[in-house]
Amino acid sequence: MKLSFGSRSPYLMFSNEQHFYYALGFLVRAIETQACKLVWENNQNQGAWGYECRIQVFDRLAKFNSLYTDRVSAGVGNILGRINCNQYLEYLTEHHNFSFQSAPDYHSVKATVPVELQQDFDDGYSA
């Protein structure tokens, strides 16, 4: 189980598996309610180092700040904040049935959660 993501400090870190799965449940619900969305930006086409995976936050910024400590940067326009972490979002697509093309499905994501941690996932989903 991976709890630290990123290639440079500050890393996106979860204190334990319970925290990771709580945040995962919260993220699924936040996408469903359009409080955020996942985006894939092909920044390498504009001369940057490479692509960037982001979570754009439109609502519930305080909750995102509490779950993703030190990783929510300022947004612009109607985007209240952004979480930039390719490793984390790639991990979610590889291990938890996330996609950049469609919203995650509660049941398919929950099926990736160990049984003993599904209550943490549901608590985050309900937060």
Protein backbone atom coordinates (compact mmCIF):
# COMPACT_ATOMS: atom_id res chain seq x y z
CA MET A 1 0.00 0.00 0.00
CA LYS A 2 1.48 3.32 -1.09
CA LEU A 3 0.95 6.30 1.27
CA SER A 4 3.41 8.87 -0.13
CA PHE A 5 3.21 10.37 -3.61
CA GLY A 6 5.20 12.90 -5.59
CA SER A 7 8.68 13.42 -6.93
CA ARG A 8 9.61 16.39 -4.73
CA SER A 9 8.71 17.99 -1.43
CA PRO A 10 6.13 18.67 -0.22
CA TYR A 11 4.97 15.13 -0.91
CA LEU A 12 1.33 14.12 -0.88
CA MET A 13 1.27 11.92 2.22
CA PHE A 14 -1.38 9.96 4.04
CA SER A 15 -0.77 9.17 7.70
CA ASN A 16 -2.13 5.62 7.39
CA GLU A 17 -4.38 3.39 5.29
CA GLN A 18 -7.51 4.66 7.05
CA HIS A 19 -6.65 8.23 6.02
CA PHE A 20 -5.94 7.11 2.43
CA TYR A 21 -9.27 5.28 2.05
CA TYR A 22 -11.25 8.03 3.80
CA ALA A 23 -9.78 10.54 1.29
CA LEU A 24 -10.53 8.12 -1.55
CA GLY A 25 -14.20 7.93 -0.56
CA PHE A 26 -14.36 11.70 -0.18
CA LEU A 27 -12.80 12.18 -3.62
CA VAL A 28 -15.33 9.86 -5.30
CA ARG A 29 -18.23 11.80 -3.77
CA ALA A 30 -16.62 15.18 -4.52
CA ILE A 31 -16.33 14.25 -8.20
CA GLU A 32 -19.95 13.00 -8.26
CA THR A 33 -21.19 16.29 -6.78
CA GLN A 34 -18.90 18.35 -9.05
CA ALA A 35 -16.98 19.78 -6.09
CA CYS A 36 -13.90 18.81 -8.09
CA LYS A 37 -12.78 17.11 -11.26
CA LEU A 38 -9.74 15.26 -12.49
CA VAL A 39 -7.91 16.77 -15.44
CA TRP A 40 -5.07 15.64 -17.65
CA GLU A 41 -3.18 18.56 -19.15
CA ASN A 42 -0.83 17.96 -22.06
CA ASN A 43 1.51 20.71 -20.95
CA GLN A 44 4.40 19.18 -22.87
CA ASN A 45 2.67 20.50 -25.99
CA GLN A 46 3.26 24.05 -24.73
CA GLY A 47 6.94 23.57 -23.96
CA ALA A 48 6.65 22.31 -20.38
CA TRP A 49 8.47 19.23 -19.05
CA GLY A 50 5.50 16.92 -19.52
CA TYR A 51 1.85 16.23 -18.85
CA GLU A 52 0.22 17.19 -15.56
CA CYS A 53 -2.51 15.35 -13.67
CA ARG A 54 -4.57 17.63 -11.45
CA ILE A 55 -7.56 17.70 -9.18
CA GLN A 56 -9.35 21.00 -9.74
CA VAL A 57 -11.34 22.03 -6.65
CA PHE A 58 -14.57 24.03 -7.09
CA ASP A 59 -16.15 23.54 -3.65
CA ARG A 60 -15.32 22.18 -0.15
CA LEU A 61 -11.83 23.67 -0.24
CA ALA A 62 -11.39 23.42 3.55
CA LYS A 63 -12.06 19.67 3.46
CA PHE A 64 -9.60 19.20 0.60
CA ASN A 65 -7.01 21.19 2.57
CA SER A 66 -7.51 18.98 5.62
CA LEU A 67 -7.23 15.72 3.66
CA TYR A 68 -4.44 16.75 1.27
CA THR A 69 -2.29 18.80 3.67
CA ASP A 70 0.28 21.07 2.02
CA ARG A 71 -0.74 19.94 -1.48
CA VAL A 72 -3.61 22.27 -2.39
CA SER A 73 -2.29 25.22 -4.35
CA ALA A 74 -4.14 28.34 -5.40
CA GLY A 75 -6.65 28.17 -8.20
CA VAL A 76 -7.70 30.69 -10.77
CA GLY A 77 -11.16 31.86 -11.81
CA ASN A 78 -13.83 29.44 -10.58
CA ILE A 79 -11.16 26.93 -9.54
CA LEU A 80 -10.63 27.47 -5.79
CA GLY A 81 -7.59 25.23 -5.56
CA ARG A 82 -5.58 22.57 -7.35
CA ILE A 83 -3.84 19.41 -6.28
CA ASN A 84 -0.99 18.57 -8.64
CA CYS A 85 0.36 15.08 -8.16
CA ASN A 86 0.86 12.84 -11.17
CA GLN A 87 1.89 9.85 -9.05
CA TYR A 88 -1.27 9.96 -6.92
CA LEU A 89 -3.68 10.26 -9.82
CA GLU A 90 -1.84 7.62 -11.82
CA TYR A 91 -2.07 5.34 -8.77
CA LEU A 92 -5.83 5.91 -8.57
CA THR A 93 -6.26 5.01 -12.25
CA GLU A 94 -4.06 1.92 -11.97
CA HIS A 95 -5.38 0.56 -8.65
CA HIS A 96 -8.79 2.09 -7.92
CA ASN A 97 -10.72 2.25 -11.21
CA PHE A 98 -10.43 6.01 -11.72
CA SER A 99 -10.45 7.50 -15.20
CA PHE A 100 -9.83 10.88 -16.77
CA GLN A 101 -12.65 10.25 -19.23
CA SER A 102 -15.51 9.67 -16.77
CA ALA A 103 -16.48 10.05 -13.12
CA PRO A 104 -15.48 7.16 -10.88
CA ASP A 105 -18.21 4.68 -10.04
CA TYR A 106 -18.75 4.28 -6.28
CA HIS A 107 -19.19 0.49 -6.48
CA SER A 108 -16.23 -0.17 -8.78
CA VAL A 109 -13.92 1.97 -6.63
CA LYS A 110 -15.18 0.43 -3.37
CA ALA A 111 -14.51 -3.03 -4.82
CA THR A 112 -10.78 -2.11 -4.81
CA VAL A 113 -10.81 -1.27 -1.09
CA PRO A 114 -9.80 -3.98 1.38
CA VAL A 115 -12.85 -5.22 3.31
CA GLU A 116 -11.43 -4.10 6.66
CA LEU A 117 -11.08 -0.51 5.34
CA GLN A 118 -14.40 -0.14 3.52
CA GLN A 119 -15.95 1.67 6.50
CA ASP A 120 -13.22 4.33 6.22
CA PHE A 121 -14.03 4.66 2.51
CA ASP A 122 -17.75 5.01 3.27
CA ASP A 123 -17.08 7.54 6.07
CA GLY A 124 -15.13 9.67 3.59
CA TYR A 125 -17.83 9.27 0.96
CA SER A 126 -20.40 10.54 3.47
CA ALA A 127 -18.27 13.42 4.79
